[in-house]
Structure formats: structure tokens, C-alpha cells
């Protein structure tokens, strides 16, 4: 009996597409193969200089392997764990409650952020997580935490650099996954400091609404910042809040509560 494993190397735009292509060629199901990622590929900087993914499929040795493709399973995407190869050493999220699509979004967000930081010649540790939506009209928000040394340059004056990095990352991420994904990038705990500023803004705006009787619409904010405003004024006796508009220009409006006589 031969003990050599049957292997197949596949090249495709992404790891997931390569696996699906290999399974289709072999006529096997995902549980009948092992996947080795030889090259995770790269989308390049702003979509330029991209490199295709390359994988090797190993057919598992076991009794009575069913090699005939099943029509209802033939095109089912493979369940693999994508591990972006980055010099920024990102930490993969470990939340057991995330579904496969969310894990892919988080891994992709880490990879994009890492590649942009590499282009800026910055080394950092990255960790992506998913923040729950503030209300039924919001989507979950991707949070990418950036830790390292000498990263103040990433924030910039009035957080202009951080906002630009966040905006570019959001555009690329949304293009990759096929729909808009709210995203926030935090550098060295800057988000916590920003939250304190937002709480002050919320209270002062509420005071102005009470004083003038006119509603106030704040500047566009990502979902996590809108959440801070909502929570700060949730128990306010005279004003209430709501998010209006569409991503990425969704805003918080603060207005007087309607008192029933």
C-alpha cells in the first residue's frame, strides 16, 4: 500500500476561493481534505500590487473515502481559518460566539490595517473585535486596536491621521466583503480619551437644546461614537436622541422629549 499523500496545489484570488476550487476539482467535501496555506496572498496597497493566494490540499487517508461529489455540497465554501501573514503580528479574535462571516471580516480588517501600517513603516500589534449594534438600525462595528511604540503619529492633529487611516481602511474593507462595514481604529487607548470628550459634548449639547428648545444634529460619527452620545443622554429627563442618515454619514440628533399633558 502506498503511504504517499495525494496533494493538489491551487492558485486563486483568495484562500477561500482556492479551497473551493480545489474541492471542486477533486470532487471532495471539505472534511475529506486538509488545507495548507502556502501563500495567503495580498490585496496590495489600495488594491494595487495584489498577489494571489496559493494553497495545497491534502486528501485525508481514511477508510472508505467518498470521492464522488455531492451536488448539494459540491460548491459549499470550505470551513478554514484565514491567517493573514503580517509583520505587524496581529492577534486573531477568539470570541466563540462569532460566526464565520464575522471572523472573515475581522481577519480582513486586521490584514488591511496591517498592510497600511507597513506602507507607513510602522510596526504594531493588532487585534480586531466586534462591537454590538447600539440599536436595531445599526450594524455591528469592527474595532481594530493598535498597540506599539511611537504611534502618536497615527493620531495626528485633531485625530486627522487616524480618521484618514480609518476611512481608507473602511473603504477597502467594505469593497472586500461586498457591503459597508462600520469600523473604528483605536491607537494606544485614544478611543477612551475620545469617549470622555464625547460625553462632555453630549451634556453641553443637551443643555443647549433645553435652553433654546431647538434640536441639535451633531457631526457624522462612526457607530461606536454615536453609542457614547446615546448612552450618556439615555436617562436625561428632558432630551432624547436618535441616529439619522445613512452610513457612513450617520449622525446623532438631540431634541426635547414630548411631554404629555
C-alpha atoms as a PDB file:
ATOM      1  CA  UNK A   1       0.000   0.000   0.000  1.00  0.00           C
ATOM      2  CA  UNK A   2       1.358   3.439  -0.887  1.00  0.00           C
ATOM      3  CA  UNK A   3       1.681   5.876   2.009  1.00  0.00           C
ATOM      4  CA  UNK A   4       2.186   8.961  -0.162  1.00  0.00           C
ATOM      5  CA  UNK A   5      -0.486  11.570   0.284  1.00  0.00           C
ATOM      6  CA  UNK A   6      -2.360  12.818  -2.760  1.00  0.00           C
ATOM      7  CA  UNK A   7      -1.924  16.595  -2.977  1.00  0.00           C
ATOM      8  CA  UNK A   8      -3.117  19.416  -5.182  1.00  0.00           C
ATOM      9  CA  UNK A   9      -1.841  22.993  -5.341  1.00  0.00           C
ATOM     10  CA  UNK A  10      -4.303  25.727  -6.248  1.00  0.00           C
ATOM     11  CA  UNK A  11      -3.874  29.435  -7.015  1.00  0.00           C
ATOM     12  CA  UNK A  12      -6.824  31.840  -6.734  1.00  0.00           C
ATOM     13  CA  UNK A  13      -7.563  35.446  -5.693  1.00  0.00           C
ATOM     14  CA  UNK A  14      -8.305  34.414  -2.087  1.00  0.00           C
ATOM     15  CA  UNK A  15      -7.660  31.416   0.150  1.00  0.00           C
ATOM     16  CA  UNK A  16     -11.374  30.666   0.324  1.00  0.00           C
ATOM     17  CA  UNK A  17     -11.733  30.663  -3.463  1.00  0.00           C
ATOM     18  CA  UNK A  18      -8.663  28.448  -3.814  1.00  0.00           C
ATOM     19  CA  UNK A  19     -10.075  25.875  -1.409  1.00  0.00           C
ATOM     20  CA  UNK A  20     -13.471  25.851  -3.119  1.00  0.00           C
ATOM     21  CA  UNK A  21     -11.755  25.469  -6.494  1.00  0.00           C
ATOM     22  CA  UNK A  22      -9.623  22.579  -5.235  1.00  0.00           C
ATOM     23  CA  UNK A  23     -12.570  20.760  -3.693  1.00  0.00           C
ATOM     24  CA  UNK A  24     -14.450  21.123  -6.963  1.00  0.00           C
ATOM     25  CA  UNK A  25     -11.558  19.685  -8.966  1.00  0.00           C
ATOM     26  CA  UNK A  26     -11.061  16.767  -6.589  1.00  0.00           C
ATOM     27  CA  UNK A  27     -14.751  16.102  -6.176  1.00  0.00           C
ATOM     28  CA  UNK A  28     -14.362  16.002  -2.405  1.00  0.00           C
ATOM     29  CA  UNK A  29     -16.040  17.543   0.603  1.00  0.00           C
ATOM     30  CA  UNK A  30     -14.231  19.854   2.997  1.00  0.00           C
ATOM     31  CA  UNK A  31     -13.983  17.250   5.771  1.00  0.00           C
ATOM     32  CA  UNK A  32     -12.106  14.917   3.415  1.00  0.00           C
ATOM     33  CA  UNK A  33      -9.093  17.196   2.928  1.00  0.00           C
ATOM     34  CA  UNK A  34      -6.508  19.108   4.898  1.00  0.00           C
ATOM     35  CA  UNK A  35      -5.544  22.621   3.828  1.00  0.00           C
ATOM     36  CA  UNK A  36      -2.050  24.104   3.898  1.00  0.00           C
ATOM     37  CA  UNK A  37      -1.821  27.822   3.106  1.00  0.00           C
ATOM     38  CA  UNK A  38       1.413  28.310   1.162  1.00  0.00           C
ATOM     39  CA  UNK A  39       0.787  31.987   0.443  1.00  0.00           C
ATOM     40  CA  UNK A  40      -2.184  33.900   1.896  1.00  0.00           C
ATOM     41  CA  UNK A  41      -1.841  36.404  -0.918  1.00  0.00           C
ATOM     42  CA  UNK A  42      -2.147  40.152  -0.671  1.00  0.00           C
ATOM     43  CA  UNK A  43      -4.664  42.678  -1.915  1.00  0.00           C
ATOM     44  CA  UNK A  44      -1.849  45.210  -2.230  1.00  0.00           C
ATOM     45  CA  UNK A  45      -1.992  48.855  -1.239  1.00  0.00           C
ATOM     46  CA  UNK A  46      -5.361  50.351  -2.175  1.00  0.00           C
ATOM     47  CA  UNK A  47      -5.906  47.388  -4.445  1.00  0.00           C
ATOM     48  CA  UNK A  48      -2.597  47.802  -6.299  1.00  0.00           C
ATOM     49  CA  UNK A  49       0.176  45.228  -6.412  1.00  0.00           C
ATOM     50  CA  UNK A  50      -2.087  42.405  -5.306  1.00  0.00           C
ATOM     51  CA  UNK A  51      -0.817  38.818  -5.082  1.00  0.00           C
ATOM     52  CA  UNK A  52      -2.972  35.710  -5.454  1.00  0.00           C
ATOM     53  CA  UNK A  53      -3.299  33.111  -2.728  1.00  0.00           C
ATOM     54  CA  UNK A  54      -1.682  29.671  -3.098  1.00  0.00           C
ATOM     55  CA  UNK A  55      -2.720  26.586  -1.137  1.00  0.00           C
ATOM     56  CA  UNK A  56      -2.050  22.859  -1.032  1.00  0.00           C
ATOM     57  CA  UNK A  57      -4.860  20.371  -0.459  1.00  0.00           C
ATOM     58  CA  UNK A  58      -4.026  17.021   1.145  1.00  0.00           C
ATOM     59  CA  UNK A  59      -6.501  14.188   0.758  1.00  0.00           C
ATOM     60  CA  UNK A  60      -7.001  12.570   4.138  1.00  0.00           C
ATOM     61  CA  UNK A  61      -6.173   8.874   4.408  1.00  0.00           C
ATOM     62  CA  UNK A  62      -9.135   7.017   5.859  1.00  0.00           C
ATOM     63  CA  UNK A  63     -11.320   4.019   5.239  1.00  0.00           C
ATOM     64  CA  UNK A  64     -13.981   4.300   2.520  1.00  0.00           C
ATOM     65  CA  UNK A  65     -13.343   7.887   1.464  1.00  0.00           C
ATOM     66  CA  UNK A  66     -16.261   9.045  -0.636  1.00  0.00           C
ATOM     67  CA  UNK A  67     -14.762  10.697  -3.714  1.00  0.00           C
ATOM     68  CA  UNK A  68     -17.913  11.319  -5.726  1.00  0.00           C
ATOM     69  CA  UNK A  69     -19.096  14.924  -5.404  1.00  0.00           C
ATOM     70  CA  UNK A  70     -22.458  15.525  -3.847  1.00  0.00           C
ATOM     71  CA  UNK A  71     -24.485  18.012  -5.828  1.00  0.00           C
ATOM     72  CA  UNK A  72     -25.735  19.876  -2.768  1.00  0.00           C
ATOM     73  CA  UNK A  73     -22.283  20.060  -1.178  1.00  0.00           C
ATOM     74  CA  UNK A  74     -20.045  20.431  -4.177  1.00  0.00           C
ATOM     75  CA  UNK A  75     -19.998  24.219  -4.119  1.00  0.00           C
ATOM     76  CA  UNK A  76     -20.194  24.690  -0.370  1.00  0.00           C
ATOM     77  CA  UNK A  77     -17.397  27.028   0.760  1.00  0.00           C
ATOM     78  CA  UNK A  78     -14.673  25.400   2.817  1.00  0.00           C
ATOM     79  CA  UNK A  79     -14.522  25.979   6.542  1.00  0.00           C
ATOM     80  CA  UNK A  80     -10.982  27.182   7.018  1.00  0.00           C
ATOM     81  CA  UNK A  81      -9.366  29.661   9.305  1.00  0.00           C
ATOM     82  CA  UNK A  82      -7.753  32.514   7.468  1.00  0.00           C
ATOM     83  CA  UNK A  83      -4.434  33.577   8.979  1.00  0.00           C
ATOM     84  CA  UNK A  84      -3.096  36.766   7.399  1.00  0.00           C
ATOM     85  CA  UNK A  85       0.712  36.811   7.319  1.00  0.00           C
ATOM     86  CA  UNK A  86       1.700  40.243   8.614  1.00  0.00           C
ATOM     87  CA  UNK A  87       4.888  41.571  10.160  1.00  0.00           C
ATOM     88  CA  UNK A  88       2.646  43.591  12.470  1.00  0.00           C
ATOM     89  CA  UNK A  89       1.843  40.381  14.385  1.00  0.00           C
ATOM     90  CA  UNK A  90      -1.959  40.702  14.608  1.00  0.00           C
ATOM     91  CA  UNK A  91      -3.784  38.716  17.241  1.00  0.00           C
ATOM     92  CA  UNK A  92      -6.702  36.710  15.904  1.00  0.00           C
ATOM     93  CA  UNK A  93     -10.030  37.189  17.704  1.00  0.00           C
ATOM     94  CA  UNK A  94     -11.022  34.253  19.876  1.00  0.00           C
ATOM     95  CA  UNK A  95     -14.663  35.041  20.613  1.00  0.00           C
ATOM     96  CA  UNK A  96     -16.533  31.758  20.359  1.00  0.00           C
ATOM     97  CA  UNK A  97     -19.806  33.492  19.550  1.00  0.00           C
ATOM     98  CA  UNK A  98     -18.631  34.922  16.218  1.00  0.00           C
ATOM     99  CA  UNK A  99     -19.936  33.302  13.062  1.00  0.00           C
ATOM    100  CA  UNK A 100     -17.757  32.501  10.088  1.00  0.00           C
ATOM    101  CA  UNK A 101     -18.584  35.691   8.165  1.00  0.00           C
ATOM    102  CA  UNK A 102     -17.732  37.864  11.172  1.00  0.00           C
ATOM    103  CA  UNK A 103     -14.415  36.070  11.640  1.00  0.00           C
ATOM    104  CA  UNK A 104     -13.595  36.685   7.987  1.00  0.00           C
ATOM    105  CA  UNK A 105     -14.460  40.384   8.350  1.00  0.00           C
ATOM    106  CA  UNK A 106     -12.250  40.696  11.445  1.00  0.00           C
ATOM    107  CA  UNK A 107      -9.324  38.893   9.829  1.00  0.00           C
ATOM    108  CA  UNK A 108      -9.662  41.025   6.704  1.00  0.00           C
ATOM    109  CA  UNK A 109      -9.820  44.236   8.764  1.00  0.00           C
ATOM    110  CA  UNK A 110      -6.608  43.227  10.546  1.00  0.00           C
ATOM    111  CA  UNK A 111      -4.871  42.419   7.284  1.00  0.00           C
ATOM    112  CA  UNK A 112      -5.846  45.689   5.608  1.00  0.00           C
ATOM    113  CA  UNK A 113      -4.831  47.765   8.629  1.00  0.00           C
ATOM    114  CA  UNK A 114      -1.552  45.878   8.899  1.00  0.00           C
ATOM    115  CA  UNK A 115      -0.695  46.445   5.242  1.00  0.00           C
ATOM    116  CA  UNK A 116      -1.440  50.167   5.504  1.00  0.00           C
ATOM    117  CA  UNK A 117       0.764  50.438   8.599  1.00  0.00           C
ATOM    118  CA  UNK A 118       3.551  48.593   6.775  1.00  0.00           C
ATOM    119  CA  UNK A 119       3.350  51.164   3.988  1.00  0.00           C
ATOM    120  CA  UNK A 120       3.795  53.817   6.691  1.00  0.00           C
ATOM    121  CA  UNK A 121       6.822  51.896   8.015  1.00  0.00           C
ATOM    122  CA  UNK A 122       5.182  51.400  11.390  1.00  0.00           C
ATOM    123  CA  UNK A 123       5.305  48.257  13.498  1.00  0.00           C
ATOM    124  CA  UNK A 124       2.352  47.470  15.731  1.00  0.00           C
ATOM    125  CA  UNK A 125       0.293  44.742  17.308  1.00  0.00           C
ATOM    126  CA  UNK A 126      -3.270  44.469  16.001  1.00  0.00           C
ATOM    127  CA  UNK A 127      -6.396  42.909  17.446  1.00  0.00           C
ATOM    128  CA  UNK A 128      -9.844  43.127  15.855  1.00  0.00           C
ATOM    129  CA  UNK A 129     -13.104  42.595  17.724  1.00  0.00           C
ATOM    130  CA  UNK A 130     -16.801  43.082  17.038  1.00  0.00           C
ATOM    131  CA  UNK A 131     -18.836  45.660  18.970  1.00  0.00           C
ATOM    132  CA  UNK A 132     -22.600  45.009  19.170  1.00  0.00           C
ATOM    133  CA  UNK A 133     -25.010  47.450  17.462  1.00  0.00           C
ATOM    134  CA  UNK A 134     -26.369  50.338  19.521  1.00  0.00           C
ATOM    135  CA  UNK A 135     -29.908  49.895  18.193  1.00  0.00           C
ATOM    136  CA  UNK A 136     -31.844  47.888  15.634  1.00  0.00           C
ATOM    137  CA  UNK A 137     -30.925  50.335  12.865  1.00  0.00           C
ATOM    138  CA  UNK A 138     -27.181  49.967  13.402  1.00  0.00           C
ATOM    139  CA  UNK A 139     -24.796  47.247  12.309  1.00  0.00           C
ATOM    140  CA  UNK A 140     -22.116  45.621  14.473  1.00  0.00           C
ATOM    141  CA  UNK A 141     -18.934  47.704  14.418  1.00  0.00           C
ATOM    142  CA  UNK A 142     -15.451  46.351  13.799  1.00  0.00           C
ATOM    143  CA  UNK A 143     -12.912  47.640  16.324  1.00  0.00           C
ATOM    144  CA  UNK A 144      -9.227  47.342  15.408  1.00  0.00           C
ATOM    145  CA  UNK A 145      -6.966  48.050  18.372  1.00  0.00           C
ATOM    146  CA  UNK A 146      -3.412  49.165  17.535  1.00  0.00           C
ATOM    147  CA  UNK A 147      -0.699  48.867  20.178  1.00  0.00           C
ATOM    148  CA  UNK A 148       3.011  49.622  19.915  1.00  0.00           C
ATOM    149  CA  UNK A 149       5.671  52.242  20.459  1.00  0.00           C
ATOM    150  CA  UNK A 150       5.848  55.730  18.978  1.00  0.00           C
ATOM    151  CA  UNK A 151       2.394  55.551  17.401  1.00  0.00           C
ATOM    152  CA  UNK A 152       1.279  59.086  18.230  1.00  0.00           C
ATOM    153  CA  UNK A 153       1.969  59.943  14.584  1.00  0.00           C
ATOM    154  CA  UNK A 154      -1.037  57.765  13.733  1.00  0.00           C
ATOM    155  CA  UNK A 155      -3.417  60.075  15.581  1.00  0.00           C
ATOM    156  CA  UNK A 156      -2.249  63.379  14.175  1.00  0.00           C
ATOM    157  CA  UNK A 157      -3.630  66.861  14.794  1.00  0.00           C
ATOM    158  CA  UNK A 158      -7.283  66.631  15.848  1.00  0.00           C
ATOM    159  CA  UNK A 159      -7.064  62.912  15.007  1.00  0.00           C
ATOM    160  CA  UNK A 160      -6.888  63.746  11.291  1.00  0.00           C
ATOM    161  CA  UNK A 161      -4.364  60.994  10.510  1.00  0.00           C
ATOM    162  CA  UNK A 162      -6.307  58.388  12.468  1.00  0.00           C
ATOM    163  CA  UNK A 163      -9.555  59.405  10.773  1.00  0.00           C
ATOM    164  CA  UNK A 164      -7.899  59.153   7.357  1.00  0.00           C
ATOM    165  CA  UNK A 165      -6.490  55.705   8.142  1.00  0.00           C
ATOM    166  CA  UNK A 166      -9.871  54.620   9.453  1.00  0.00           C
ATOM    167  CA  UNK A 167     -11.678  55.949   6.377  1.00  0.00           C
ATOM    168  CA  UNK A 168      -9.326  54.271   3.885  1.00  0.00           C
ATOM    169  CA  UNK A 169      -9.469  51.002   5.814  1.00  0.00           C
ATOM    170  CA  UNK A 170     -13.275  51.174   5.868  1.00  0.00           C
ATOM    171  CA  UNK A 171     -13.449  51.689   2.097  1.00  0.00           C
ATOM    172  CA  UNK A 172     -11.123  48.785   1.322  1.00  0.00           C
ATOM    173  CA  UNK A 173     -12.800  46.502   3.869  1.00  0.00           C
ATOM    174  CA  UNK A 174     -16.272  47.273   2.535  1.00  0.00           C
ATOM    175  CA  UNK A 175     -15.097  46.583  -1.008  1.00  0.00           C
ATOM    176  CA  UNK A 176     -13.573  43.268   0.047  1.00  0.00           C
ATOM    177  CA  UNK A 177     -16.668  41.963   1.839  1.00  0.00           C
ATOM    178  CA  UNK A 178     -19.172  43.449  -0.598  1.00  0.00           C
ATOM    179  CA  UNK A 179     -21.073  45.768   1.754  1.00  0.00           C
ATOM    180  CA  UNK A 180     -20.478  48.703   4.086  1.00  0.00           C
ATOM    181  CA  UNK A 181     -18.890  47.707   7.402  1.00  0.00           C
ATOM    182  CA  UNK A 182     -18.736  50.269  10.247  1.00  0.00           C
ATOM    183  CA  UNK A 183     -15.160  50.345  11.533  1.00  0.00           C
ATOM    184  CA  UNK A 184     -13.199  52.176  14.209  1.00  0.00           C
ATOM    185  CA  UNK A 185      -9.440  52.091  14.713  1.00  0.00           C
ATOM    186  CA  UNK A 186      -8.104  52.762  18.207  1.00  0.00           C
ATOM    187  CA  UNK A 187      -4.483  53.686  18.851  1.00  0.00           C
ATOM    188  CA  UNK A 188      -2.926  53.426  22.302  1.00  0.00           C
ATOM    189  CA  UNK A 189      -6.237  53.918  24.125  1.00  0.00           C
ATOM    190  CA  UNK A 190      -7.110  57.076  22.206  1.00  0.00           C
ATOM    191  CA  UNK A 191     -10.711  55.874  21.971  1.00  0.00           C
ATOM    192  CA  UNK A 192     -11.156  56.075  25.765  1.00  0.00           C
ATOM    193  CA  UNK A 193      -9.953  59.667  25.757  1.00  0.00           C
ATOM    194  CA  UNK A 194     -12.236  60.435  22.833  1.00  0.00           C
ATOM    195  CA  UNK A 195     -15.175  58.944  24.721  1.00  0.00           C
ATOM    196  CA  UNK A 196     -14.614  61.372  27.588  1.00  0.00           C
ATOM    197  CA  UNK A 197     -14.704  64.251  25.101  1.00  0.00           C
ATOM    198  CA  UNK A 198     -17.909  62.917  23.559  1.00  0.00           C
ATOM    199  CA  UNK A 199     -19.613  62.684  26.944  1.00  0.00           C
ATOM    200  CA  UNK A 200     -18.822  66.343  27.590  1.00  0.00           C
ATOM    201  CA  UNK A 201     -20.114  67.209  24.105  1.00  0.00           C
ATOM    202  CA  UNK A 202     -23.324  65.284  24.771  1.00  0.00           C
ATOM    203  CA  UNK A 203     -24.036  67.068  28.065  1.00  0.00           C
ATOM    204  CA  UNK A 204     -23.283  70.525  26.685  1.00  0.00           C
ATOM    205  CA  UNK A 205     -25.424  69.904  23.603  1.00  0.00           C
ATOM    206  CA  UNK A 206     -28.295  68.708  25.797  1.00  0.00           C
ATOM    207  CA  UNK A 207     -28.059  71.883  27.868  1.00  0.00           C
ATOM    208  CA  UNK A 208     -28.225  73.961  24.686  1.00  0.00           C
ATOM    209  CA  UNK A 209     -31.288  72.048  23.444  1.00  0.00           C
ATOM    210  CA  UNK A 210     -33.057  72.607  26.782  1.00  0.00           C
ATOM    211  CA  UNK A 211     -32.118  76.294  26.772  1.00  0.00           C
ATOM    212  CA  UNK A 212     -33.153  77.046  23.165  1.00  0.00           C
ATOM    213  CA  UNK A 213     -35.835  74.425  22.622  1.00  0.00           C
ATOM    214  CA  UNK A 214     -34.272  73.590  19.263  1.00  0.00           C
ATOM    215  CA  UNK A 215     -32.832  70.244  18.270  1.00  0.00           C
ATOM    216  CA  UNK A 216     -29.127  69.812  17.547  1.00  0.00           C
ATOM    217  CA  UNK A 217     -27.642  67.474  14.959  1.00  0.00           C
ATOM    218  CA  UNK A 218     -24.033  66.548  15.667  1.00  0.00           C
ATOM    219  CA  UNK A 219     -21.319  65.866  13.106  1.00  0.00           C
ATOM    220  CA  UNK A 220     -21.228  62.434  11.389  1.00  0.00           C
ATOM    221  CA  UNK A 221     -19.749  59.795  13.688  1.00  0.00           C
ATOM    222  CA  UNK A 222     -18.975  56.091  13.497  1.00  0.00           C
ATOM    223  CA  UNK A 223     -21.411  53.815  15.319  1.00  0.00           C
ATOM    224  CA  UNK A 224     -19.254  53.422  18.427  1.00  0.00           C
ATOM    225  CA  UNK A 225     -19.074  57.199  18.944  1.00  0.00           C
ATOM    226  CA  UNK A 226     -22.800  57.606  18.398  1.00  0.00           C
ATOM    227  CA  UNK A 227     -23.269  54.924  21.025  1.00  0.00           C
ATOM    228  CA  UNK A 228     -21.402  57.083  23.554  1.00  0.00           C
ATOM    229  CA  UNK A 229     -23.767  60.013  22.928  1.00  0.00           C
ATOM    230  CA  UNK A 230     -26.856  57.807  23.185  1.00  0.00           C
ATOM    231  CA  UNK A 231     -25.737  56.203  26.445  1.00  0.00           C
ATOM    232  CA  UNK A 232     -24.679  59.495  28.025  1.00  0.00           C
ATOM    233  CA  UNK A 233     -28.120  61.032  27.457  1.00  0.00           C
ATOM    234  CA  UNK A 234     -30.225  57.887  27.820  1.00  0.00           C
ATOM    235  CA  UNK A 235     -31.531  58.860  31.256  1.00  0.00           C
ATOM    236  CA  UNK A 236     -31.669  62.607  30.674  1.00  0.00           C
ATOM    237  CA  UNK A 237     -35.041  63.919  31.955  1.00  0.00           C
ATOM    238  CA  UNK A 238     -35.653  66.465  29.186  1.00  0.00           C
ATOM    239  CA  UNK A 239     -33.952  65.364  25.976  1.00  0.00           C
ATOM    240  CA  UNK A 240     -33.728  62.218  23.886  1.00  0.00           C
ATOM    241  CA  UNK A 241     -31.539  61.112  20.985  1.00  0.00           C
ATOM    242  CA  UNK A 242     -31.783  59.233  17.725  1.00  0.00           C
ATOM    243  CA  UNK A 243     -29.423  58.342  14.884  1.00  0.00           C
ATOM    244  CA  UNK A 244     -30.355  59.689  11.451  1.00  0.00           C
ATOM    245  CA  UNK A 245     -28.969  59.350   7.951  1.00  0.00           C
ATOM    246  CA  UNK A 246     -27.123  56.509   6.290  1.00  0.00           C
ATOM    247  CA  UNK A 247     -23.631  55.138   6.702  1.00  0.00           C
ATOM    248  CA  UNK A 248     -21.015  56.444   6.540  1.00  0.00           C
ATOM    249  CA  UNK A 249     -22.663  59.812   7.285  1.00  0.00           C
ATOM    250  CA  UNK A 250     -24.985  58.744  10.094  1.00  0.00           C
ATOM    251  CA  UNK A 251     -25.456  61.441  12.783  1.00  0.00           C
ATOM    252  CA  UNK A 252     -26.943  61.817  16.250  1.00  0.00           C
ATOM    253  CA  UNK A 253     -29.817  64.258  16.734  1.00  0.00           C
ATOM    254  CA  UNK A 254     -30.613  65.576  20.219  1.00  0.00           C
ATOM    255  CA  UNK A 255     -34.095  67.017  20.799  1.00  0.00           C
ATOM    256  CA  UNK A 256     -36.613  67.741  23.560  1.00  0.00           C
ATOM    257  CA  UNK A 257     -38.814  64.932  24.820  1.00  0.00           C
ATOM    258  CA  UNK A 258     -42.518  65.246  24.152  1.00  0.00           C
ATOM    259  CA  UNK A 259     -44.282  65.712  27.474  1.00  0.00           C
ATOM    260  CA  UNK A 260     -47.884  64.599  27.647  1.00  0.00           C
ATOM    261  CA  UNK A 261     -50.185  66.998  29.448  1.00  0.00           C
END
